[in-house]
Amino acid sequence: MSNGTTKGKVTPMSNPNAATVHNALPVELGKIYADYAWNSRSERNVQDMADTESAGFDGFEANIGVSGQITAIILRNTNGKSLSGKKVSEPFEVVVGFRRFRAISNLNTKKVKVPNLPPGTILAEVRDVKTEVEARILNGQENTLRKNLKSPDLVFLARSLATQGGMNQVAIAEALGITQGWVSRLLKVASLPLPVLEHWRDNKPIAAVQTKDGMFELKADQAKTGTELTEPEMRALAELKGPPEELIARYIRLVKPAPAQGESDAAATEKDKVLEHVKEVAGLMGGMVRCGELANGSLDWNRVIGPKKKGYPIDCGKDDSQARLMELGDAAQDAFDKEVTKGAKGAVSKSEHPSAN
């Protein structure tokens, strides 16, 4: 290769934890294939660094342009086929370092010279990664150790290792360096229908599903404007019993509450949307009581509903006045009671509930 580049040092890899970069050398960018759909981080998470780095992706890219590349990426020999099974002409594929690869590729497109690299190259270590499971563990390890994976990414990673890799919870926990309890929670969410998971992670539209309550769908223009649920809210949804269509409809109602009768989406106020969201989440919790997963009287809405920025699980919106919180608490209690009374356990009276005192 020109510019002092190399095909990379192939390091036999019997243990996915043996992630050394001692033999890293510059590799030409044009010889590298990057499948962002395969990466354990969703493509929007590759670009969105707001959660972990205040300067964002642009700042990350600019820093490499000034200081150079510090940590090598990890590549695998493709032998003509990508990890997802696609035929590729590039001899190498990215396994670890998708953000670095994108940043340095962008800098080269802008003709910005990275200080410690020959033009058109990236510092990389090429490994003999034999299986997709081995690659996923390696990819997931770096991101979980750096706490760069968002909840949807972790769910997809755990789901892939369990279904495609045949790994149990203990093995997944050990491979990714997280607790078994965390893996259990991730796999609970992973049991939700795929359209729900794909919207949660990638904002993909959801095709129409028919239920006894009507037709539900998320069109492309609606998919990006809904409420983004937290991992605990997704887990609560996964605890509910019902066919996939019902769970999909529940999810759609959560992220895109229907406007009141005779009212258009444009006319629905932000307060109305918050109220509908609170009622829906409370209904989910009532469903958990009905299923025996949550004890009657164990919820205190004063501790559950409040400003999201202060750590409350259910966001009250911009208005956090006492009157508004009481209004939302009453609405939540009503929705909770209605859901509980659908079963045989009976309603939770306000005298039994801590928030009524």
Protein backbone atom coordinates (compact mmCIF):
# COMPACT_ATOMS: atom_id res chain seq x y z
CA MET A 1 0.00 0.00 0.00
CA SER A 2 1.00 3.61 -0.50
CA ASN A 3 1.63 6.16 2.26
CA GLY A 4 3.29 3.54 4.47
CA THR A 5 -0.02 1.75 5.01
CA THR A 6 -0.51 -1.94 5.61
CA LYS A 7 -3.12 -4.59 5.41
CA GLY A 8 -2.90 -4.75 9.19
CA LYS A 9 -1.43 -7.17 11.65
CA VAL A 10 -3.69 -10.20 12.05
CA THR A 11 -3.79 -11.25 15.70
CA PRO A 12 -5.32 -14.70 16.38
CA MET A 13 -8.15 -14.15 18.82
CA SER A 14 -9.12 -17.05 21.06
CA ASN A 15 -10.43 -14.80 23.83
CA PRO A 16 -12.67 -11.79 22.99
CA ASN A 17 -11.35 -10.04 26.11
CA ALA A 18 -7.81 -9.95 24.67
CA ALA A 19 -8.27 -6.53 23.06
CA THR A 20 -4.69 -5.32 22.55
CA VAL A 21 -3.70 -2.57 20.12
CA HIS A 22 0.09 -3.02 20.22
CA ASN A 23 0.28 -3.97 16.55
CA ALA A 24 -1.99 -1.22 15.24
CA LEU A 25 -0.93 0.34 11.94
CA PRO A 26 -2.47 2.80 9.44
CA VAL A 27 -5.02 1.16 7.12
CA GLU A 28 -6.50 2.85 4.04
CA LEU A 29 -10.06 4.05 4.61
CA GLY A 30 -11.10 2.88 1.14
CA LYS A 31 -10.33 -0.71 2.10
CA ILE A 32 -12.68 -0.68 5.10
CA TYR A 33 -16.39 -1.57 5.13
CA ALA A 34 -18.55 -0.14 7.96
CA ASP A 35 -22.03 -1.55 8.55
CA TYR A 36 -23.70 0.90 10.94
CA ALA A 37 -26.82 -1.27 11.01
CA TRP A 38 -24.75 -4.11 12.49
CA ASN A 39 -23.14 -1.95 15.18
CA SER A 40 -24.47 -2.45 18.72
CA ARG A 41 -25.05 1.30 18.82
CA SER A 42 -27.84 2.56 16.60
CA GLU A 43 -26.65 4.87 13.83
CA ARG A 44 -28.37 7.86 15.43
CA ASN A 45 -26.46 7.08 18.66
CA VAL A 46 -23.18 7.06 16.73
CA GLN A 47 -23.88 10.65 15.68
CA ASP A 48 -25.64 11.81 18.88
CA MET A 49 -23.07 12.26 21.63
CA ALA A 50 -25.07 14.71 23.74
CA ASP A 51 -25.57 12.21 26.56
CA THR A 52 -21.88 11.64 27.20
CA GLU A 53 -19.83 14.37 25.58
CA SER A 54 -20.92 18.00 25.89
CA ALA A 55 -19.15 19.04 22.70
CA GLY A 56 -21.12 16.50 20.68
CA PHE A 57 -19.95 14.61 17.62
CA ASP A 58 -18.70 17.77 15.88
CA GLY A 59 -16.46 18.47 18.88
CA PHE A 60 -15.24 14.87 18.90
CA GLU A 61 -14.38 15.11 15.21
CA ALA A 62 -12.66 18.46 15.61
CA ASN A 63 -10.57 17.16 18.51
CA ILE A 64 -9.23 14.31 16.37
CA GLY A 65 -8.41 16.85 13.67
CA VAL A 66 -6.30 18.80 16.17
CA SER A 67 -4.84 16.09 18.44
CA GLY A 68 -4.82 13.05 16.17
CA GLN A 69 -6.20 9.56 16.70
CA ILE A 70 -5.30 8.19 20.13
CA THR A 71 -7.05 4.80 20.18
CA ALA A 72 -6.98 2.37 17.27
CA ILE A 73 -10.18 0.91 15.88
CA ILE A 74 -10.53 -2.87 15.49
CA LEU A 75 -11.11 -4.47 12.11
CA ARG A 76 -11.73 -8.01 10.91
CA ASN A 77 -10.78 -9.73 7.68
CA THR A 78 -13.96 -9.95 5.60
CA ASN A 79 -12.89 -12.65 3.14
CA GLY A 80 -15.55 -11.15 0.86
CA LYS A 81 -18.46 -11.28 3.34
CA SER A 82 -19.61 -8.85 6.03
CA LEU A 83 -20.79 -9.83 9.51
CA SER A 84 -24.39 -9.46 8.34
CA GLY A 85 -23.75 -11.85 5.43
CA LYS A 86 -23.50 -9.24 2.67
CA LYS A 87 -20.96 -9.69 -0.13
CA VAL A 88 -18.37 -6.91 0.09
CA SER A 89 -15.29 -5.96 -1.91
CA GLU A 90 -13.44 -4.34 0.99
CA PRO A 91 -10.90 -6.63 2.72
CA PHE A 92 -11.64 -5.21 6.18
CA GLU A 93 -14.76 -4.48 8.27
CA VAL A 94 -15.17 -2.29 11.35
CA VAL A 95 -15.87 -4.25 14.55
CA VAL A 96 -15.03 -1.58 17.14
CA GLY A 97 -14.66 2.17 16.61
CA PHE A 98 -17.55 3.28 14.40
CA ARG A 99 -17.46 6.85 15.72
CA ARG A 100 -13.72 7.17 15.14
CA PHE A 101 -14.13 5.72 11.66
CA ARG A 102 -16.90 8.19 10.80
CA ALA A 103 -15.03 11.17 12.26
CA ILE A 104 -11.78 10.41 10.44
CA SER A 105 -13.63 9.65 7.20
CA ASN A 106 -15.37 13.03 7.49
CA LEU A 107 -12.05 14.78 8.12
CA ASN A 108 -10.53 13.17 5.04
CA THR A 109 -13.54 14.22 2.95
CA LYS A 110 -12.97 17.77 4.18
CA LYS A 111 -9.25 17.38 3.36
CA VAL A 112 -8.30 17.95 7.00
CA LYS A 113 -5.04 16.14 7.82
CA VAL A 114 -5.14 14.09 11.01
CA PRO A 115 -1.78 14.92 12.68
CA ASN A 116 -0.49 11.40 13.40
CA LEU A 117 -1.84 9.63 10.31
CA PRO A 118 -0.88 9.44 6.63
CA PRO A 119 -3.63 11.00 4.46
CA GLY A 120 -6.59 8.69 3.77
CA THR A 121 -5.82 6.24 6.58
CA ILE A 122 -6.96 5.30 10.08
CA LEU A 123 -5.04 3.63 12.90
CA ALA A 124 -6.39 0.08 13.20
CA GLU A 125 -5.66 -3.39 14.47
CA VAL A 126 -6.87 -6.23 12.28
CA ARG A 127 -8.00 -9.36 14.08
CA ASP A 128 -9.05 -12.82 13.04
CA VAL A 129 -12.58 -12.59 14.46
CA LYS A 130 -14.12 -15.92 13.52
CA THR A 131 -17.81 -15.55 14.46
CA GLU A 132 -20.44 -12.83 14.64
CA VAL A 133 -21.03 -13.60 18.33
CA GLU A 134 -17.33 -13.05 19.03
CA ALA A 135 -17.51 -9.75 17.14
CA ARG A 136 -20.67 -8.63 18.97
CA ILE A 137 -19.11 -9.34 22.36
CA LEU A 138 -16.01 -7.37 21.41
CA ASN A 139 -18.13 -4.49 20.07
CA GLY A 140 -20.44 -4.52 23.08
CA GLN A 141 -17.63 -4.70 25.63
CA GLU A 142 -16.06 -1.44 24.54
CA ASN A 143 -19.35 0.43 24.62
CA THR A 144 -20.67 -0.96 27.91
CA LEU A 145 -17.37 -0.37 29.68
CA ARG A 146 -17.41 3.24 28.47
CA LYS A 147 -21.15 3.48 29.25
CA ASN A 148 -21.81 4.72 25.72
CA LEU A 149 -24.70 2.41 24.88
CA LYS A 150 -28.20 3.74 25.34
CA SER A 151 -30.93 1.46 26.67
CA PRO A 152 -32.36 0.53 23.23
CA ASP A 153 -28.87 -0.40 22.00
CA LEU A 154 -28.27 -2.60 25.03
CA VAL A 155 -31.61 -4.34 24.54
CA PHE A 156 -30.76 -5.19 20.93
CA LEU A 157 -27.28 -6.36 21.91
CA ALA A 158 -28.57 -8.65 24.67
CA ARG A 159 -31.32 -9.90 22.35
CA SER A 160 -28.79 -10.75 19.64
CA LEU A 161 -26.45 -12.60 22.01
CA ALA A 162 -29.35 -14.58 23.48
CA THR A 163 -31.13 -15.50 20.24
CA GLN A 164 -28.33 -15.72 17.68
CA GLY A 165 -25.50 -16.57 20.04
CA GLY A 166 -27.48 -18.96 22.26
CA MET A 167 -25.96 -17.37 25.36
CA ASN A 168 -27.68 -17.47 28.77
CA GLN A 169 -27.99 -14.49 31.11
CA VAL A 170 -24.86 -15.36 33.10
CA ALA A 171 -22.73 -15.64 29.96
CA ILE A 172 -24.07 -12.36 28.55
CA ALA A 173 -23.42 -10.57 31.84
CA GLU A 174 -19.85 -11.87 32.02
CA ALA A 175 -19.14 -11.05 28.37
CA LEU A 176 -20.39 -7.47 28.63
CA GLY A 177 -19.21 -6.74 32.16
CA ILE A 178 -22.70 -5.97 33.52
CA THR A 179 -24.86 -7.62 36.19
CA GLN A 180 -27.13 -10.59 35.53
CA GLY A 181 -30.05 -8.57 36.93
CA TRP A 182 -29.43 -5.92 34.30
CA VAL A 183 -29.33 -8.56 31.57
CA SER A 184 -32.63 -9.98 32.87
CA ARG A 185 -34.29 -6.57 32.61
CA LEU A 186 -32.89 -6.03 29.12
CA LEU A 187 -34.19 -9.40 27.91
CA LYS A 188 -37.62 -8.63 29.38
CA VAL A 189 -37.81 -5.55 27.16
CA ALA A 190 -36.37 -7.57 24.27
CA SER A 191 -39.44 -9.84 24.44
CA LEU A 192 -41.62 -7.00 23.07
CA PRO A 193 -42.70 -7.20 19.40
CA LEU A 194 -39.94 -6.22 16.95
CA PRO A 195 -41.88 -3.24 15.46
CA VAL A 196 -42.02 -1.74 18.97
CA LEU A 197 -38.29 -2.26 19.54
CA GLU A 198 -37.34 -0.88 16.12
CA HIS A 199 -39.37 2.29 16.70
CA TRP A 200 -37.93 2.68 20.20
CA ARG A 201 -34.37 2.39 18.92
CA ASP A 202 -34.49 3.79 15.38
CA ASN A 203 -37.77 5.76 15.11
CA LYS A 204 -39.02 3.40 12.40
CA PRO A 205 -42.72 3.68 11.46
CA ILE A 206 -45.09 0.97 12.72
CA ALA A 207 -47.49 -0.62 10.25
CA ALA A 208 -51.20 -0.63 11.13
CA VAL A 209 -52.41 -3.31 13.55
CA GLN A 210 -56.05 -4.17 14.23
CA THR A 211 -57.26 -4.68 17.82
CA LYS A 212 -60.65 -4.77 19.49
CA ASP A 213 -60.20 -1.07 20.25
CA GLY A 214 -59.55 -0.11 16.63
CA MET A 215 -56.69 0.37 14.18
CA PHE A 216 -53.33 1.69 15.38
CA GLU A 217 -50.27 2.77 13.39
CA LEU A 218 -47.32 5.16 13.43
CA LYS A 219 -46.66 6.72 10.04
CA ALA A 220 -43.23 7.95 9.03
CA ASP A 221 -44.04 11.59 9.80
CA GLN A 222 -45.46 10.65 13.22
CA ALA A 223 -42.70 8.24 14.22
CA LYS A 224 -40.17 10.99 14.92
CA THR A 225 -42.47 13.20 16.97
CA GLY A 226 -43.66 10.79 19.66
CA THR A 227 -42.63 10.57 23.30
CA GLU A 228 -39.50 8.48 23.89
CA LEU A 229 -40.15 5.91 26.62
CA THR A 230 -37.65 5.04 29.32
CA GLU A 231 -36.36 1.51 29.89
CA PRO A 232 -38.55 1.04 33.04
CA GLU A 233 -41.64 2.10 31.04
CA MET A 234 -40.75 -0.38 28.30
CA ARG A 235 -40.26 -3.09 30.91
CA ALA A 236 -43.68 -2.32 32.39
CA LEU A 237 -45.17 -2.71 28.92
CA ALA A 238 -43.38 -6.03 28.48
CA GLU A 239 -44.90 -7.29 31.76
CA LEU A 240 -48.43 -7.01 30.37
CA LYS A 241 -50.17 -10.04 28.97
CA GLY A 242 -51.68 -10.03 25.52
CA PRO A 243 -51.05 -10.79 21.84
CA PRO A 244 -48.44 -8.78 19.89
CA GLU A 245 -51.10 -6.58 18.31
CA GLU A 246 -52.33 -5.42 21.72
CA LEU A 247 -48.80 -4.64 22.93
CA ILE A 248 -48.04 -2.72 19.72
CA ALA A 249 -51.27 -0.73 20.13
CA ARG A 250 -50.41 0.00 23.77
CA TYR A 251 -46.98 1.24 22.76
CA ILE A 252 -48.38 3.49 20.02
CA ARG A 253 -50.86 5.02 22.47
CA LEU A 254 -47.98 5.69 24.86
CA VAL A 255 -45.68 7.43 22.39
CA LYS A 256 -48.40 9.12 20.35
CA PRO A 257 -51.47 9.71 22.55
CA ALA A 258 -54.69 10.20 20.59
CA PRO A 259 -56.17 13.72 20.79
CA ALA A 260 -59.45 14.20 22.58
CA GLN A 261 -62.60 13.60 20.51
CA GLY A 262 -63.23 16.40 18.03
CA GLU A 263 -59.74 17.80 18.54
CA SER A 264 -56.93 17.72 15.99
CA ASP A 265 -53.30 16.90 16.73
CA ALA A 266 -52.42 20.55 16.21
CA ALA A 267 -55.06 21.70 18.68
CA ALA A 268 -54.03 19.31 21.45
CA THR A 269 -52.11 21.26 24.09
CA GLU A 270 -48.88 20.11 25.67
CA LYS A 271 -50.71 19.73 28.98
CA ASP A 272 -53.22 17.38 27.35
CA LYS A 273 -50.41 15.23 26.00
CA VAL A 274 -48.74 15.05 29.41
CA LEU A 275 -52.06 14.12 31.04
CA GLU A 276 -52.69 11.34 28.52
CA HIS A 277 -49.16 10.03 29.01
CA VAL A 278 -49.56 9.97 32.81
CA LYS A 279 -52.87 8.12 32.53
CA GLU A 280 -51.42 5.58 30.11
CA VAL A 281 -48.41 4.82 32.32
CA ALA A 282 -50.67 4.56 35.37
CA GLY A 283 -52.85 2.15 33.41
CA LEU A 284 -49.78 0.04 32.67
CA MET A 285 -48.99 -0.09 36.36
CA GLY A 286 -52.57 -1.12 37.08
CA GLY A 287 -52.14 -3.91 34.57
CA MET A 288 -49.07 -5.07 36.49
CA VAL A 289 -51.16 -5.24 39.68
CA ARG A 290 -53.77 -7.27 37.84
CA CYS A 291 -51.04 -9.65 36.66
CA GLY A 292 -49.69 -9.99 40.20
CA GLU A 293 -46.41 -8.26 39.36
CA LEU A 294 -47.06 -5.23 41.58
CA ALA A 295 -48.65 -5.08 45.03
CA ASN A 296 -51.81 -3.06 45.63
CA GLY A 297 -51.19 0.21 47.40
CA SER A 298 -47.45 0.21 46.69
CA LEU A 299 -47.45 3.35 44.54
CA ASP A 300 -47.22 6.92 45.78
CA TRP A 301 -47.96 9.26 42.88
CA ASN A 302 -46.30 12.15 44.75
CA ARG A 303 -43.02 10.28 44.40
CA VAL A 304 -43.66 9.02 40.87
CA ILE A 305 -44.96 12.11 39.03
CA GLY A 306 -42.83 15.24 38.80
CA PRO A 307 -40.21 17.07 36.68
CA LYS A 308 -38.15 14.62 34.62
CA LYS A 309 -35.02 16.71 35.18
CA LYS A 310 -35.34 15.98 38.90
CA GLY A 311 -35.41 12.24 38.34
CA TYR A 312 -39.15 11.52 38.51
CA PRO A 313 -40.12 8.41 36.48
CA ILE A 314 -43.28 10.07 35.04
CA ASP A 315 -42.71 13.58 33.69
CA CYS A 316 -45.26 16.22 34.74
CA GLY A 317 -44.27 18.58 31.94
CA LYS A 318 -43.38 22.24 32.35
CA ASP A 319 -46.06 22.92 34.97
CA ASP A 320 -44.92 21.41 38.27
CA SER A 321 -47.18 23.45 40.54
CA GLN A 322 -48.84 21.67 43.46
CA ALA A 323 -52.27 22.03 41.85
CA ARG A 324 -51.04 20.49 38.61
CA LEU A 325 -49.31 17.61 40.41
CA MET A 326 -52.51 16.90 42.35
CA GLU A 327 -54.49 16.92 39.09
CA LEU A 328 -52.08 14.46 37.48
CA GLY A 329 -52.03 12.30 40.62
CA ASP A 330 -55.84 12.05 40.66
CA ALA A 331 -55.91 11.21 36.94
CA ALA A 332 -53.20 8.58 37.43
CA GLN A 333 -55.09 7.02 40.35
CA ASP A 334 -58.31 6.84 38.32
CA ALA A 335 -56.55 5.23 35.36
CA PHE A 336 -54.77 2.84 37.72
CA ASP A 337 -58.03 1.80 39.44
CA LYS A 338 -59.86 1.28 36.14
CA GLU A 339 -57.15 -1.07 34.90
CA VAL A 340 -57.01 -3.03 38.18
CA THR A 341 -60.78 -3.53 38.27
CA LYS A 342 -60.68 -5.31 34.92
CA GLY A 343 -59.31 -8.30 36.84
CA ALA A 344 -60.49 -10.27 39.82
CA LYS A 345 -58.37 -8.57 42.46
CA GLY A 346 -60.58 -5.51 42.88
CA ALA A 347 -59.81 -1.84 42.83
CA VAL A 348 -57.32 -0.11 45.06
CA SER A 349 -59.31 2.35 47.14
CA LYS A 350 -57.89 5.80 47.85
CA SER A 351 -57.85 4.97 51.54
CA GLU A 352 -55.37 2.16 50.79
CA HIS A 353 -53.15 4.39 48.67
CA PRO A 354 -50.37 6.46 50.32
CA SER A 355 -50.97 9.45 48.02
CA ALA A 356 -54.51 9.88 49.35
CA ASN A 357 -53.29 10.93 52.84
